[in-house]
């Protein structure tokens, strides 16, 4: 089960416990489950190889569009994938154009 599913499951159990439990204590299994989720996430955030992906997975670095000719600059994102340093580049597409700025973007892409 992934983190998202585990967290949703734990939240549902907590809400059920709040709504229907006559006891004021937290169920031991639920507490252990939430503690395990916290430990797993903390471990990954402390692991230099995985933390970069987790911290930056949702970081938006560029505007993307299916319209040809809209990418002008080269945008790079560096990731650490299981110990391997990976650089992903988004560059202008390689095509013929009469647009001077797009031509410059294509030249940058060719250099990359």
N, C-alpha and C. Protein backbone atom coordinates (compact mmCIF):
# COMPACT_ATOMS: atom_id res chain seq x y z
N UNK A 1 0.85 -1.18 0.00
CA UNK A 1 0.00 0.00 0.00
C UNK A 1 0.89 1.24 0.00
N UNK A 2 0.61 2.21 -0.85
CA UNK A 2 1.40 3.43 -0.94
C UNK A 2 1.08 4.40 0.19
N UNK A 3 1.90 5.45 0.27
CA UNK A 3 1.72 6.43 1.33
C UNK A 3 0.34 7.05 1.29
N UNK A 4 -0.10 7.44 0.11
CA UNK A 4 -1.40 8.11 -0.01
C UNK A 4 -2.51 7.21 0.51
N UNK A 5 -2.50 5.96 0.07
CA UNK A 5 -3.53 5.01 0.51
C UNK A 5 -3.46 4.78 2.01
N UNK A 6 -2.25 4.67 2.53
CA UNK A 6 -2.08 4.45 3.97
C UNK A 6 -2.60 5.64 4.77
N UNK A 7 -2.31 6.84 4.30
CA UNK A 7 -2.76 8.05 5.00
C UNK A 7 -4.28 8.17 4.93
N UNK A 8 -4.85 7.92 3.76
CA UNK A 8 -6.31 7.99 3.61
C UNK A 8 -6.98 6.96 4.51
N UNK A 9 -6.42 5.76 4.55
CA UNK A 9 -6.97 4.70 5.40
C UNK A 9 -6.90 5.11 6.87
N UNK A 10 -5.77 5.65 7.29
CA UNK A 10 -5.61 6.10 8.68
C UNK A 10 -6.59 7.22 9.00
N UNK A 11 -6.75 8.17 8.08
CA UNK A 11 -7.69 9.27 8.31
C UNK A 11 -9.13 8.76 8.45
N UNK A 12 -9.49 7.81 7.62
CA UNK A 12 -10.84 7.23 7.70
C UNK A 12 -11.04 6.54 9.04
N UNK A 13 -10.03 5.81 9.49
CA UNK A 13 -10.13 5.14 10.79
C UNK A 13 -10.22 6.13 11.94
N UNK A 14 -9.47 7.22 11.85
CA UNK A 14 -9.52 8.25 12.89
C UNK A 14 -10.90 8.90 12.92
N UNK A 15 -11.45 9.23 11.75
CA UNK A 15 -12.78 9.83 11.70
C UNK A 15 -13.84 8.89 12.25
N UNK A 16 -13.73 7.60 11.92
CA UNK A 16 -14.67 6.61 12.44
C UNK A 16 -14.56 6.53 13.96
N UNK A 17 -13.34 6.52 14.45
CA UNK A 17 -13.12 6.46 15.89
C UNK A 17 -13.72 7.69 16.59
N UNK A 18 -13.53 8.86 16.00
CA UNK A 18 -14.07 10.09 16.58
C UNK A 18 -15.60 10.04 16.60
N UNK A 19 -16.19 9.58 15.50
CA UNK A 19 -17.64 9.58 15.37
C UNK A 19 -18.33 8.50 16.19
N UNK A 20 -17.71 7.33 16.30
CA UNK A 20 -18.45 6.19 16.86
C UNK A 20 -17.84 5.58 18.12
N UNK A 21 -16.65 5.97 18.48
CA UNK A 21 -16.02 5.35 19.63
C UNK A 21 -16.50 5.98 20.92
N UNK A 22 -16.79 5.14 21.90
CA UNK A 22 -17.19 5.64 23.20
C UNK A 22 -15.97 5.81 24.09
N UNK A 23 -14.86 5.23 23.65
CA UNK A 23 -13.62 5.35 24.41
C UNK A 23 -12.93 6.65 24.02
N UNK A 24 -12.15 7.18 24.90
CA UNK A 24 -11.43 8.42 24.62
C UNK A 24 -9.99 8.17 24.21
N UNK A 25 -9.56 6.91 24.18
CA UNK A 25 -8.18 6.60 23.83
C UNK A 25 -8.09 6.20 22.36
N UNK A 26 -6.90 6.37 21.80
CA UNK A 26 -6.66 6.01 20.41
C UNK A 26 -6.38 4.51 20.35
N UNK A 27 -6.99 3.84 19.40
CA UNK A 27 -6.77 2.41 19.20
C UNK A 27 -5.29 2.15 18.97
N UNK A 28 -4.74 1.13 19.62
CA UNK A 28 -3.31 0.82 19.54
C UNK A 28 -2.87 0.50 18.12
N UNK A 29 -3.69 -0.24 17.35
CA UNK A 29 -3.33 -0.58 15.98
C UNK A 29 -3.29 0.67 15.10
N UNK A 30 -4.25 1.55 15.31
CA UNK A 30 -4.29 2.80 14.54
C UNK A 30 -3.07 3.65 14.87
N UNK A 31 -2.75 3.76 16.14
CA UNK A 31 -1.58 4.53 16.56
C UNK A 31 -0.31 3.96 15.95
N UNK A 32 -0.18 2.63 15.96
CA UNK A 32 0.99 1.96 15.38
C UNK A 32 1.07 2.23 13.88
N UNK A 33 -0.09 2.21 13.20
CA UNK A 33 -0.13 2.46 11.75
C UNK A 33 0.32 3.88 11.43
N UNK A 34 -0.19 4.86 12.15
CA UNK A 34 0.18 6.26 11.92
C UNK A 34 1.66 6.47 12.24
N UNK A 35 2.12 5.84 13.31
CA UNK A 35 3.53 5.94 13.67
C UNK A 35 4.43 5.36 12.58
N UNK A 36 4.01 4.23 12.00
CA UNK A 36 4.79 3.61 10.92
C UNK A 36 4.82 4.50 9.68
N UNK A 37 3.70 5.12 9.35
CA UNK A 37 3.66 6.05 8.20
C UNK A 37 4.65 7.19 8.44
N UNK A 38 4.62 7.75 9.65
CA UNK A 38 5.52 8.86 9.98
C UNK A 38 6.98 8.43 9.89
N UNK A 39 7.30 7.25 10.39
CA UNK A 39 8.68 6.75 10.33
C UNK A 39 9.14 6.54 8.90
N UNK A 40 8.26 5.98 8.07
CA UNK A 40 8.61 5.71 6.67
C UNK A 40 8.88 7.01 5.92
N UNK A 41 8.02 7.99 6.09
CA UNK A 41 8.19 9.27 5.40
C UNK A 41 9.45 9.97 5.92
N UNK A 42 9.66 9.96 7.23
CA UNK A 42 10.86 10.58 7.80
C UNK A 42 12.13 9.93 7.27
N UNK A 43 12.13 8.59 7.17
CA UNK A 43 13.29 7.88 6.64
C UNK A 43 13.60 8.34 5.22
N UNK A 44 12.59 8.43 4.39
CA UNK A 44 12.81 8.83 3.00
C UNK A 44 13.26 10.28 2.89
N UNK A 45 12.75 11.15 3.77
CA UNK A 45 13.17 12.54 3.73
C UNK A 45 14.62 12.72 4.19
N UNK A 46 15.09 11.82 5.05
CA UNK A 46 16.47 11.89 5.54
C UNK A 46 17.44 11.23 4.56
N UNK A 47 16.96 10.40 3.67
CA UNK A 47 17.80 9.71 2.69
C UNK A 47 18.06 10.67 1.53
N UNK A 48 19.32 11.11 1.42
CA UNK A 48 19.66 12.11 0.40
C UNK A 48 19.28 11.68 -1.01
N UNK A 49 19.34 10.39 -1.28
CA UNK A 49 19.05 9.93 -2.64
C UNK A 49 17.58 10.05 -2.97
N UNK A 50 16.71 9.83 -2.00
CA UNK A 50 15.28 9.84 -2.27
C UNK A 50 14.64 11.18 -1.95
N UNK A 51 15.22 11.92 -1.02
CA UNK A 51 14.59 13.13 -0.52
C UNK A 51 14.36 14.17 -1.62
N UNK A 52 15.30 14.30 -2.54
CA UNK A 52 15.15 15.30 -3.61
C UNK A 52 13.89 15.04 -4.42
N UNK A 53 13.63 13.79 -4.74
CA UNK A 53 12.45 13.45 -5.52
C UNK A 53 11.19 13.76 -4.73
N UNK A 54 11.18 13.39 -3.47
CA UNK A 54 10.00 13.62 -2.64
C UNK A 54 9.75 15.10 -2.45
N UNK A 55 10.81 15.86 -2.15
CA UNK A 55 10.63 17.29 -1.89
C UNK A 55 10.22 18.05 -3.15
N UNK A 56 10.70 17.63 -4.30
CA UNK A 56 10.49 18.41 -5.52
C UNK A 56 9.55 17.76 -6.53
N UNK A 57 8.90 16.70 -6.17
CA UNK A 57 8.07 15.97 -7.12
C UNK A 57 6.97 16.84 -7.71
N UNK A 58 6.46 17.77 -6.96
CA UNK A 58 5.35 18.59 -7.44
C UNK A 58 5.74 20.02 -7.75
N UNK A 59 7.03 20.27 -7.77
CA UNK A 59 7.51 21.63 -8.06
C UNK A 59 7.36 21.90 -9.54
N UNK A 60 6.63 22.94 -9.89
CA UNK A 60 6.43 23.28 -11.30
C UNK A 60 7.60 24.15 -11.75
N UNK A 61 8.31 23.69 -12.77
CA UNK A 61 9.50 24.41 -13.22
C UNK A 61 9.31 25.11 -14.56
N UNK A 62 8.25 24.77 -15.28
CA UNK A 62 8.03 25.45 -16.56
C UNK A 62 6.56 25.33 -16.95
N UNK A 63 6.18 26.18 -17.86
CA UNK A 63 4.84 26.13 -18.43
C UNK A 63 4.92 25.24 -19.67
N UNK A 64 4.05 24.26 -19.75
CA UNK A 64 4.06 23.37 -20.92
C UNK A 64 2.80 23.56 -21.73
N UNK A 65 2.96 23.37 -23.04
CA UNK A 65 1.84 23.55 -23.95
C UNK A 65 2.03 22.63 -25.15
N UNK A 66 0.95 22.08 -25.68
CA UNK A 66 1.07 21.26 -26.88
C UNK A 66 1.25 22.10 -28.15
N UNK A 67 1.16 23.41 -28.03
CA UNK A 67 1.30 24.30 -29.18
C UNK A 67 2.76 24.38 -29.60
N UNK A 68 3.03 24.05 -30.85
CA UNK A 68 4.40 24.08 -31.37
C UNK A 68 4.95 25.49 -31.32
N UNK A 69 6.24 25.58 -30.93
CA UNK A 69 6.92 26.86 -30.94
C UNK A 69 6.81 27.65 -29.65
N UNK A 70 6.19 27.09 -28.62
CA UNK A 70 6.03 27.84 -27.37
C UNK A 70 7.20 27.67 -26.40
N UNK A 71 8.01 26.62 -26.56
CA UNK A 71 9.18 26.44 -25.71
C UNK A 71 10.34 27.19 -26.33
N UNK A 72 10.89 28.12 -25.58
CA UNK A 72 11.99 28.94 -26.11
C UNK A 72 13.27 28.73 -25.33
N UNK A 73 13.15 28.57 -24.00
CA UNK A 73 14.33 28.41 -23.16
C UNK A 73 14.55 26.94 -22.86
N UNK A 74 15.75 26.62 -22.40
CA UNK A 74 16.05 25.28 -21.92
C UNK A 74 15.85 25.28 -20.41
N UNK A 75 14.99 24.39 -19.93
CA UNK A 75 14.72 24.29 -18.50
C UNK A 75 15.23 22.94 -18.05
N UNK A 76 16.05 22.94 -16.99
CA UNK A 76 16.62 21.70 -16.50
C UNK A 76 16.22 21.44 -15.05
N UNK A 77 15.98 20.17 -14.76
CA UNK A 77 15.67 19.73 -13.41
C UNK A 77 16.63 18.59 -13.09
N UNK A 78 17.28 18.67 -11.94
CA UNK A 78 18.21 17.65 -11.51
C UNK A 78 17.52 16.74 -10.50
N UNK A 79 17.60 15.44 -10.72
CA UNK A 79 17.00 14.46 -9.82
C UNK A 79 18.03 13.42 -9.42
N UNK A 80 17.84 12.86 -8.26
CA UNK A 80 18.67 11.75 -7.81
C UNK A 80 17.77 10.52 -7.81
N UNK A 81 18.00 9.60 -8.72
CA UNK A 81 17.19 8.39 -8.83
C UNK A 81 18.01 7.20 -8.37
N UNK A 82 17.75 6.78 -7.16
CA UNK A 82 18.43 5.62 -6.58
C UNK A 82 19.94 5.74 -6.67
N UNK A 83 20.45 6.94 -6.38
CA UNK A 83 21.88 7.16 -6.39
C UNK A 83 22.46 7.64 -7.70
N UNK A 84 21.67 7.67 -8.75
CA UNK A 84 22.13 8.14 -10.05
C UNK A 84 21.65 9.57 -10.26
N UNK A 85 22.58 10.47 -10.55
CA UNK A 85 22.23 11.86 -10.81
C UNK A 85 21.68 11.99 -12.23
N UNK A 86 20.44 12.44 -12.35
CA UNK A 86 19.77 12.55 -13.65
C UNK A 86 19.41 14.02 -13.88
N UNK A 87 19.68 14.52 -15.08
CA UNK A 87 19.27 15.87 -15.46
C UNK A 87 18.29 15.75 -16.60
N UNK A 88 17.09 16.28 -16.38
CA UNK A 88 16.06 16.26 -17.42
C UNK A 88 15.96 17.67 -17.99
N UNK A 89 16.03 17.78 -19.31
CA UNK A 89 15.97 19.09 -19.97
C UNK A 89 14.73 19.18 -20.84
N UNK A 90 14.07 20.31 -20.77
CA UNK A 90 12.96 20.60 -21.68
C UNK A 90 13.46 21.72 -22.58
N UNK A 91 13.54 21.44 -23.86
CA UNK A 91 14.05 22.43 -24.81
C UNK A 91 13.04 22.64 -25.92
N UNK A 92 13.33 23.61 -26.75
CA UNK A 92 12.51 23.85 -27.93
C UNK A 92 12.58 22.63 -28.85
N UNK A 93 11.48 22.37 -29.54
CA UNK A 93 11.48 21.27 -30.50
C UNK A 93 12.32 21.62 -31.72
N UNK A 94 12.78 20.61 -32.41
CA UNK A 94 13.62 20.82 -33.58
C UNK A 94 12.73 20.82 -34.82
N UNK A 95 12.54 22.00 -35.39
CA UNK A 95 11.71 22.14 -36.58
C UNK A 95 12.12 23.40 -37.33
N UNK A 96 11.66 23.52 -38.55
CA UNK A 96 11.91 24.74 -39.32
C UNK A 96 10.90 25.79 -38.89
N UNK A 97 11.40 27.02 -38.73
CA UNK A 97 10.53 28.12 -38.31
C UNK A 97 11.06 29.43 -38.87
N UNK A 98 10.16 30.38 -39.00
CA UNK A 98 10.57 31.72 -39.44
C UNK A 98 10.63 32.68 -38.25
N UNK A 99 10.26 32.22 -37.08
CA UNK A 99 10.26 33.05 -35.87
C UNK A 99 11.69 33.15 -35.33
N UNK A 100 12.22 34.39 -35.22
CA UNK A 100 13.60 34.60 -34.80
C UNK A 100 13.87 34.09 -33.38
N UNK A 101 12.94 34.34 -32.47
CA UNK A 101 13.15 33.91 -31.09
C UNK A 101 13.09 32.39 -30.98
N UNK A 102 12.15 31.77 -31.68
CA UNK A 102 12.07 30.32 -31.68
C UNK A 102 13.33 29.71 -32.28
N UNK A 103 13.88 30.34 -33.30
CA UNK A 103 15.13 29.88 -33.91
C UNK A 103 16.25 29.87 -32.89
N UNK A 104 16.31 30.91 -32.05
CA UNK A 104 17.32 30.94 -30.99
C UNK A 104 17.11 29.79 -30.00
N UNK A 105 15.86 29.51 -29.66
CA UNK A 105 15.54 28.40 -28.77
C UNK A 105 15.97 27.07 -29.37
N UNK A 106 15.77 26.89 -30.66
CA UNK A 106 16.18 25.68 -31.36
C UNK A 106 17.70 25.54 -31.34
N UNK A 107 18.41 26.66 -31.52
CA UNK A 107 19.87 26.63 -31.46
C UNK A 107 20.36 26.20 -30.08
N UNK A 108 19.71 26.69 -29.02
CA UNK A 108 20.06 26.28 -27.65
C UNK A 108 19.80 24.79 -27.48
N UNK A 109 18.68 24.31 -28.02
CA UNK A 109 18.35 22.88 -27.92
C UNK A 109 19.41 22.04 -28.63
N UNK A 110 19.85 22.48 -29.79
CA UNK A 110 20.87 21.74 -30.55
C UNK A 110 22.19 21.70 -29.76
N UNK A 111 22.53 22.78 -29.08
CA UNK A 111 23.75 22.80 -28.28
C UNK A 111 23.67 21.84 -27.10
N UNK A 112 22.49 21.71 -26.52
CA UNK A 112 22.30 20.79 -25.38
C UNK A 112 22.50 19.37 -25.84
